[in-house]
């Protein structure tokens, strides 16, 4: 089975999400650039983002701030979200080879469903093949999410390949006893390698890495 992260791997969402986050944090008196938002918050659960931002700000963010962030992020997705080039063709090729595919994201299930809907990828994944860290005790970098996905999909961890773009996701996959490929088109290649991933830079390379080409 191939387990895909969603944001930054299947959908080109990281710049949008972190751009909204940077703008909103800056407006609260915590000056944050897009690069800083990606470095400091990318790959975290929403609650972790809130906790880290408040710690740096030195005070609580306004009540409802996190819900407003989710709304503004959704608006940005509806305006601009695109699939990562080659994602649809890749998923179809893997499935046609008889290999199971699923999505395991740090984000809420509703966010993953929306992202896949907006980018035309939703039809490639049945409901039972979508997994969220909000459904397990611990999100990435812990292995819980990937082990849960493998269990539900009927796959052994040793027979799974995880495709990730964040060090925390790579760490989770390694901890789960799975093979892991680090997508470094828009991520820190060195950090992915250090976490334990074999790095690649284009989805076009995946069929060969998976032994399908």
C-alpha atoms as a PDB file:
ATOM      1  CA  UNK A   1       0.000   0.000   0.000  1.00  0.00           C
ATOM      2  CA  UNK A   2       1.069   3.574  -0.649  1.00  0.00           C
ATOM      3  CA  UNK A   3       0.028   6.095   2.002  1.00  0.00           C
ATOM      4  CA  UNK A   4       0.010   9.713   0.860  1.00  0.00           C
ATOM      5  CA  UNK A   5       0.126  12.798   2.988  1.00  0.00           C
ATOM      6  CA  UNK A   6      -2.287  15.344   1.510  1.00  0.00           C
ATOM      7  CA  UNK A   7      -0.987  18.895   1.967  1.00  0.00           C
ATOM      8  CA  UNK A   8       2.105  19.542  -0.105  1.00  0.00           C
ATOM      9  CA  UNK A   9       2.084  16.050  -1.629  1.00  0.00           C
ATOM     10  CA  UNK A  10      -1.263  15.718  -3.435  1.00  0.00           C
ATOM     11  CA  UNK A  11      -2.491  19.317  -3.218  1.00  0.00           C
ATOM     12  CA  UNK A  12      -0.363  22.451  -3.433  1.00  0.00           C
ATOM     13  CA  UNK A  13      -1.698  23.935  -0.228  1.00  0.00           C
ATOM     14  CA  UNK A  14       1.255  24.770   2.002  1.00  0.00           C
ATOM     15  CA  UNK A  15       1.921  28.237   0.594  1.00  0.00           C
ATOM     16  CA  UNK A  16      -1.778  29.115   0.864  1.00  0.00           C
ATOM     17  CA  UNK A  17      -2.231  27.781   4.408  1.00  0.00           C
ATOM     18  CA  UNK A  18       0.934  29.327   5.751  1.00  0.00           C
ATOM     19  CA  UNK A  19       0.338  32.585   3.924  1.00  0.00           C
ATOM     20  CA  UNK A  20      -2.993  32.992   5.706  1.00  0.00           C
ATOM     21  CA  UNK A  21      -1.361  32.009   8.987  1.00  0.00           C
ATOM     22  CA  UNK A  22       1.490  34.513   8.567  1.00  0.00           C
ATOM     23  CA  UNK A  23      -0.911  37.350   7.796  1.00  0.00           C
ATOM     24  CA  UNK A  24      -3.166  36.598  10.744  1.00  0.00           C
ATOM     25  CA  UNK A  25      -0.311  36.207  13.221  1.00  0.00           C
ATOM     26  CA  UNK A  26       1.277  39.423  12.015  1.00  0.00           C
ATOM     27  CA  UNK A  27      -2.001  41.274  12.504  1.00  0.00           C
ATOM     28  CA  UNK A  28      -2.024  40.108  16.140  1.00  0.00           C
ATOM     29  CA  UNK A  29       1.396  41.613  16.815  1.00  0.00           C
ATOM     30  CA  UNK A  30       3.537  38.562  16.049  1.00  0.00           C
ATOM     31  CA  UNK A  31       5.369  39.544  12.825  1.00  0.00           C
ATOM     32  CA  UNK A  32       5.600  36.389  10.715  1.00  0.00           C
ATOM     33  CA  UNK A  33       6.731  35.873   7.126  1.00  0.00           C
ATOM     34  CA  UNK A  34       5.573  33.027   4.898  1.00  0.00           C
ATOM     35  CA  UNK A  35       8.972  31.370   5.258  1.00  0.00           C
ATOM     36  CA  UNK A  36       8.810  31.660   9.043  1.00  0.00           C
ATOM     37  CA  UNK A  37       5.287  30.239   9.155  1.00  0.00           C
ATOM     38  CA  UNK A  38       6.380  27.242   7.109  1.00  0.00           C
ATOM     39  CA  UNK A  39       9.459  26.709   9.241  1.00  0.00           C
ATOM     40  CA  UNK A  40       7.727  27.039  12.598  1.00  0.00           C
ATOM     41  CA  UNK A  41       4.192  25.694  12.087  1.00  0.00           C
ATOM     42  CA  UNK A  42       3.995  23.482   9.005  1.00  0.00           C
ATOM     43  CA  UNK A  43       2.950  19.930   9.800  1.00  0.00           C
ATOM     44  CA  UNK A  44       1.536  20.737  13.248  1.00  0.00           C
ATOM     45  CA  UNK A  45      -1.964  20.021  14.487  1.00  0.00           C
ATOM     46  CA  UNK A  46      -4.161  23.110  14.777  1.00  0.00           C
ATOM     47  CA  UNK A  47      -4.036  23.009  18.563  1.00  0.00           C
ATOM     48  CA  UNK A  48      -0.250  22.832  18.437  1.00  0.00           C
ATOM     49  CA  UNK A  49      -0.148  25.845  16.129  1.00  0.00           C
ATOM     50  CA  UNK A  50      -2.296  27.783  18.587  1.00  0.00           C
ATOM     51  CA  UNK A  51      -0.173  26.800  21.574  1.00  0.00           C
ATOM     52  CA  UNK A  52       3.100  27.660  19.866  1.00  0.00           C
ATOM     53  CA  UNK A  53       1.851  30.998  18.538  1.00  0.00           C
ATOM     54  CA  UNK A  54       0.471  32.047  21.927  1.00  0.00           C
ATOM     55  CA  UNK A  55       3.718  31.100  23.630  1.00  0.00           C
ATOM     56  CA  UNK A  56       5.665  33.288  21.227  1.00  0.00           C
ATOM     57  CA  UNK A  57       3.178  36.111  21.468  1.00  0.00           C
ATOM     58  CA  UNK A  58       3.168  35.985  25.244  1.00  0.00           C
ATOM     59  CA  UNK A  59      -0.608  36.176  25.535  1.00  0.00           C
ATOM     60  CA  UNK A  60      -3.699  34.284  24.384  1.00  0.00           C
ATOM     61  CA  UNK A  61      -4.972  34.920  20.892  1.00  0.00           C
ATOM     62  CA  UNK A  62      -8.544  36.269  20.720  1.00  0.00           C
ATOM     63  CA  UNK A  63     -11.399  33.859  21.330  1.00  0.00           C
ATOM     64  CA  UNK A  64     -12.398  32.247  18.055  1.00  0.00           C
ATOM     65  CA  UNK A  65      -9.077  33.045  16.377  1.00  0.00           C
ATOM     66  CA  UNK A  66      -8.418  29.456  15.333  1.00  0.00           C
ATOM     67  CA  UNK A  67     -11.899  29.063  13.829  1.00  0.00           C
ATOM     68  CA  UNK A  68     -11.382  32.289  11.882  1.00  0.00           C
ATOM     69  CA  UNK A  69      -8.064  30.956  10.598  1.00  0.00           C
ATOM     70  CA  UNK A  70      -9.796  27.809   9.356  1.00  0.00           C
ATOM     71  CA  UNK A  71     -12.463  29.906   7.589  1.00  0.00           C
ATOM     72  CA  UNK A  72      -9.921  32.185   5.927  1.00  0.00           C
ATOM     73  CA  UNK A  73      -7.817  29.209   4.889  1.00  0.00           C
ATOM     74  CA  UNK A  74     -10.875  27.555   3.364  1.00  0.00           C
ATOM     75  CA  UNK A  75     -11.648  30.737   1.439  1.00  0.00           C
ATOM     76  CA  UNK A  76      -8.088  30.784   0.089  1.00  0.00           C
ATOM     77  CA  UNK A  77      -8.390  27.133  -0.915  1.00  0.00           C
ATOM     78  CA  UNK A  78     -11.649  27.767  -2.761  1.00  0.00           C
ATOM     79  CA  UNK A  79     -10.012  30.612  -4.688  1.00  0.00           C
ATOM     80  CA  UNK A  80      -6.630  29.144  -5.493  1.00  0.00           C
ATOM     81  CA  UNK A  81      -5.995  25.519  -4.495  1.00  0.00           C
ATOM     82  CA  UNK A  82      -4.473  23.331  -7.223  1.00  0.00           C
ATOM     83  CA  UNK A  83      -3.342  19.691  -7.315  1.00  0.00           C
ATOM     84  CA  UNK A  84       0.352  18.938  -7.275  1.00  0.00           C
ATOM     85  CA  UNK A  85       1.307  18.354 -10.944  1.00  0.00           C
ATOM     86  CA  UNK A  86       0.934  14.706 -11.902  1.00  0.00           C
ATOM     87  CA  UNK A  87      -0.986  13.675  -8.780  1.00  0.00           C
ATOM     88  CA  UNK A  88      -4.075  12.339 -10.541  1.00  0.00           C
ATOM     89  CA  UNK A  89      -2.110  10.357 -13.115  1.00  0.00           C
ATOM     90  CA  UNK A  90       0.131   8.909 -10.415  1.00  0.00           C
ATOM     91  CA  UNK A  91      -2.739   7.692  -8.233  1.00  0.00           C
ATOM     92  CA  UNK A  92      -4.432   6.083 -11.206  1.00  0.00           C
ATOM     93  CA  UNK A  93      -1.212   4.333 -12.241  1.00  0.00           C
ATOM     94  CA  UNK A  94      -0.604   2.955  -8.755  1.00  0.00           C
ATOM     95  CA  UNK A  95      -4.182   1.725  -8.399  1.00  0.00           C
ATOM     96  CA  UNK A  96      -4.080   0.163 -11.860  1.00  0.00           C
ATOM     97  CA  UNK A  97      -1.052  -1.863 -10.748  1.00  0.00           C
ATOM     98  CA  UNK A  98      -3.155  -3.396  -7.984  1.00  0.00           C
ATOM     99  CA  UNK A  99      -1.527  -1.452  -5.163  1.00  0.00           C
ATOM    100  CA  UNK A 100      -3.761   0.039  -2.477  1.00  0.00           C
ATOM    101  CA  UNK A 101      -3.679   3.797  -1.963  1.00  0.00           C
ATOM    102  CA  UNK A 102      -4.909   5.976   0.877  1.00  0.00           C
ATOM    103  CA  UNK A 103      -4.445   9.448   2.369  1.00  0.00           C
ATOM    104  CA  UNK A 104      -3.311  10.052   5.960  1.00  0.00           C
ATOM    105  CA  UNK A 105      -3.239  13.714   6.898  1.00  0.00           C
ATOM    106  CA  UNK A 106      -2.494  15.729  10.007  1.00  0.00           C
ATOM    107  CA  UNK A 107      -5.517  17.890   9.148  1.00  0.00           C
ATOM    108  CA  UNK A 108      -9.166  17.310   9.924  1.00  0.00           C
ATOM    109  CA  UNK A 109     -10.986  14.851   7.679  1.00  0.00           C
ATOM    110  CA  UNK A 110     -13.272  17.623   6.427  1.00  0.00           C
ATOM    111  CA  UNK A 111     -10.254  19.630   5.277  1.00  0.00           C
ATOM    112  CA  UNK A 112      -8.798  16.674   3.387  1.00  0.00           C
ATOM    113  CA  UNK A 113     -12.130  15.980   1.707  1.00  0.00           C
ATOM    114  CA  UNK A 114     -12.486  19.627   0.673  1.00  0.00           C
ATOM    115  CA  UNK A 115      -8.925  19.779  -0.649  1.00  0.00           C
ATOM    116  CA  UNK A 116      -9.407  16.652  -2.747  1.00  0.00           C
ATOM    117  CA  UNK A 117     -12.800  17.877  -3.977  1.00  0.00           C
ATOM    118  CA  UNK A 118     -11.424  21.246  -5.072  1.00  0.00           C
ATOM    119  CA  UNK A 119      -8.537  19.655  -6.962  1.00  0.00           C
ATOM    120  CA  UNK A 120     -10.476  16.883  -8.706  1.00  0.00           C
ATOM    121  CA  UNK A 121      -8.781  14.092  -6.751  1.00  0.00           C
ATOM    122  CA  UNK A 122     -11.642  13.092  -4.483  1.00  0.00           C
ATOM    123  CA  UNK A 123     -13.008  10.428  -6.826  1.00  0.00           C
ATOM    124  CA  UNK A 124      -9.723   8.527  -6.572  1.00  0.00           C
ATOM    125  CA  UNK A 125     -10.133   7.768  -2.868  1.00  0.00           C
ATOM    126  CA  UNK A 126     -13.155   6.066  -1.273  1.00  0.00           C
ATOM    127  CA  UNK A 127     -14.230   7.354   2.138  1.00  0.00           C
ATOM    128  CA  UNK A 128     -12.596   4.392   3.896  1.00  0.00           C
ATOM    129  CA  UNK A 129      -9.227   5.390   2.401  1.00  0.00           C
ATOM    130  CA  UNK A 130      -9.103   8.830   4.049  1.00  0.00           C
ATOM    131  CA  UNK A 131      -7.555   9.160   7.508  1.00  0.00           C
ATOM    132  CA  UNK A 132      -6.997  12.054   9.894  1.00  0.00           C
ATOM    133  CA  UNK A 133      -4.684  12.480  12.860  1.00  0.00           C
ATOM    134  CA  UNK A 134      -7.728  13.799  14.723  1.00  0.00           C
ATOM    135  CA  UNK A 135      -8.999  10.200  14.803  1.00  0.00           C
ATOM    136  CA  UNK A 136      -6.036   8.783  16.742  1.00  0.00           C
ATOM    137  CA  UNK A 137      -4.476   9.460  20.123  1.00  0.00           C
ATOM    138  CA  UNK A 138      -1.361  11.161  18.756  1.00  0.00           C
ATOM    139  CA  UNK A 139      -0.630  12.858  15.443  1.00  0.00           C
ATOM    140  CA  UNK A 140       2.655  12.958  13.570  1.00  0.00           C
ATOM    141  CA  UNK A 141       5.555  12.574  14.475  1.00  0.00           C
ATOM    142  CA  UNK A 142       4.071   9.602  16.330  1.00  0.00           C
ATOM    143  CA  UNK A 143       3.245   6.470  14.282  1.00  0.00           C
ATOM    144  CA  UNK A 144      -0.403   6.184  15.392  1.00  0.00           C
ATOM    145  CA  UNK A 145      -1.981   7.615  12.230  1.00  0.00           C
ATOM    146  CA  UNK A 146      -0.051   5.465   9.783  1.00  0.00           C
ATOM    147  CA  UNK A 147      -0.535   2.312  11.840  1.00  0.00           C
ATOM    148  CA  UNK A 148      -4.272   3.049  12.037  1.00  0.00           C
ATOM    149  CA  UNK A 149      -4.490   3.501   8.273  1.00  0.00           C
ATOM    150  CA  UNK A 150      -2.628   0.270   7.617  1.00  0.00           C
ATOM    151  CA  UNK A 151      -4.848  -1.642  10.025  1.00  0.00           C
ATOM    152  CA  UNK A 152      -8.084  -0.379   8.485  1.00  0.00           C
ATOM    153  CA  UNK A 153      -6.828  -0.975   4.945  1.00  0.00           C
ATOM    154  CA  UNK A 154      -5.583  -4.489   5.757  1.00  0.00           C
ATOM    155  CA  UNK A 155      -1.910  -3.855   5.066  1.00  0.00           C
ATOM    156  CA  UNK A 156       1.160  -4.805   7.083  1.00  0.00           C
ATOM    157  CA  UNK A 157       3.409  -1.861   8.019  1.00  0.00           C
ATOM    158  CA  UNK A 158       6.405  -3.481   6.340  1.00  0.00           C
ATOM    159  CA  UNK A 159       4.431  -3.563   3.084  1.00  0.00           C
ATOM    160  CA  UNK A 160       3.582   0.156   3.169  1.00  0.00           C
ATOM    161  CA  UNK A 161       5.342   3.090   1.530  1.00  0.00           C
ATOM    162  CA  UNK A 162       4.570   6.542   2.933  1.00  0.00           C
ATOM    163  CA  UNK A 163       4.964   9.660   0.780  1.00  0.00           C
ATOM    164  CA  UNK A 164       5.598  12.705   2.985  1.00  0.00           C
ATOM    165  CA  UNK A 165       6.906  16.267   2.687  1.00  0.00           C
ATOM    166  CA  UNK A 166       7.591  17.125   6.342  1.00  0.00           C
ATOM    167  CA  UNK A 167      10.188  15.797   8.782  1.00  0.00           C
ATOM    168  CA  UNK A 168       7.461  15.065  11.338  1.00  0.00           C
ATOM    169  CA  UNK A 169       5.624  12.921   8.800  1.00  0.00           C
ATOM    170  CA  UNK A 170       8.805  11.104   7.855  1.00  0.00           C
ATOM    171  CA  UNK A 171       9.561  10.463  11.530  1.00  0.00           C
ATOM    172  CA  UNK A 172       6.064   9.042  12.004  1.00  0.00           C
ATOM    173  CA  UNK A 173       6.466   6.690   9.051  1.00  0.00           C
ATOM    174  CA  UNK A 174       9.874   5.471  10.221  1.00  0.00           C
ATOM    175  CA  UNK A 175       8.469   4.892  13.716  1.00  0.00           C
ATOM    176  CA  UNK A 176       5.641   2.873  12.173  1.00  0.00           C
ATOM    177  CA  UNK A 177       8.138   0.543  10.513  1.00  0.00           C
ATOM    178  CA  UNK A 178       7.201   1.686   7.016  1.00  0.00           C
ATOM    179  CA  UNK A 179       9.262   2.667   4.005  1.00  0.00           C
ATOM    180  CA  UNK A 180       9.204   6.425   3.449  1.00  0.00           C
ATOM    181  CA  UNK A 181       9.802   8.656   0.440  1.00  0.00           C
ATOM    182  CA  UNK A 182      10.333  12.370   1.050  1.00  0.00           C
ATOM    183  CA  UNK A 183       8.844  14.729  -1.519  1.00  0.00           C
ATOM    184  CA  UNK A 184      11.258  17.659  -1.592  1.00  0.00           C
ATOM    185  CA  UNK A 185       9.916  19.792  -4.447  1.00  0.00           C
ATOM    186  CA  UNK A 186       8.980  22.513  -1.970  1.00  0.00           C
ATOM    187  CA  UNK A 187      10.451  21.213   1.292  1.00  0.00           C
ATOM    188  CA  UNK A 188      13.786  21.055   3.102  1.00  0.00           C
ATOM    189  CA  UNK A 189      15.598  18.164   1.435  1.00  0.00           C
ATOM    190  CA  UNK A 190      18.246  17.903   4.150  1.00  0.00           C
ATOM    191  CA  UNK A 191      15.649  17.755   6.927  1.00  0.00           C
ATOM    192  CA  UNK A 192      13.741  15.009   5.124  1.00  0.00           C
ATOM    193  CA  UNK A 193      16.912  12.960   4.674  1.00  0.00           C
ATOM    194  CA  UNK A 194      17.944  13.392   8.288  1.00  0.00           C
ATOM    195  CA  UNK A 195      14.499  12.199   9.403  1.00  0.00           C
ATOM    196  CA  UNK A 196      14.991   9.000   7.409  1.00  0.00           C
ATOM    197  CA  UNK A 197      13.422   9.526   3.987  1.00  0.00           C
ATOM    198  CA  UNK A 198      14.675   8.661   0.534  1.00  0.00           C
ATOM    199  CA  UNK A 199      14.200  11.997  -1.222  1.00  0.00           C
ATOM    200  CA  UNK A 200      12.698  12.706  -4.637  1.00  0.00           C
ATOM    201  CA  UNK A 201      11.676  15.949  -6.338  1.00  0.00           C
ATOM    202  CA  UNK A 202       8.845  15.176  -8.773  1.00  0.00           C
ATOM    203  CA  UNK A 203       5.831  12.895  -8.619  1.00  0.00           C
ATOM    204  CA  UNK A 204       6.919  11.635 -12.034  1.00  0.00           C
ATOM    205  CA  UNK A 205       9.730   9.799 -10.262  1.00  0.00           C
ATOM    206  CA  UNK A 206       7.455   7.808  -7.971  1.00  0.00           C
ATOM    207  CA  UNK A 207       6.441   4.947 -10.287  1.00  0.00           C
ATOM    208  CA  UNK A 208      10.090   3.971 -10.706  1.00  0.00           C
ATOM    209  CA  UNK A 209      10.789   4.342  -6.976  1.00  0.00           C
ATOM    210  CA  UNK A 210       7.799   2.091  -6.291  1.00  0.00           C
ATOM    211  CA  UNK A 211       8.937  -0.489  -8.827  1.00  0.00           C
ATOM    212  CA  UNK A 212       5.987   0.169 -11.129  1.00  0.00           C
ATOM    213  CA  UNK A 213       7.948   1.473 -14.124  1.00  0.00           C
END
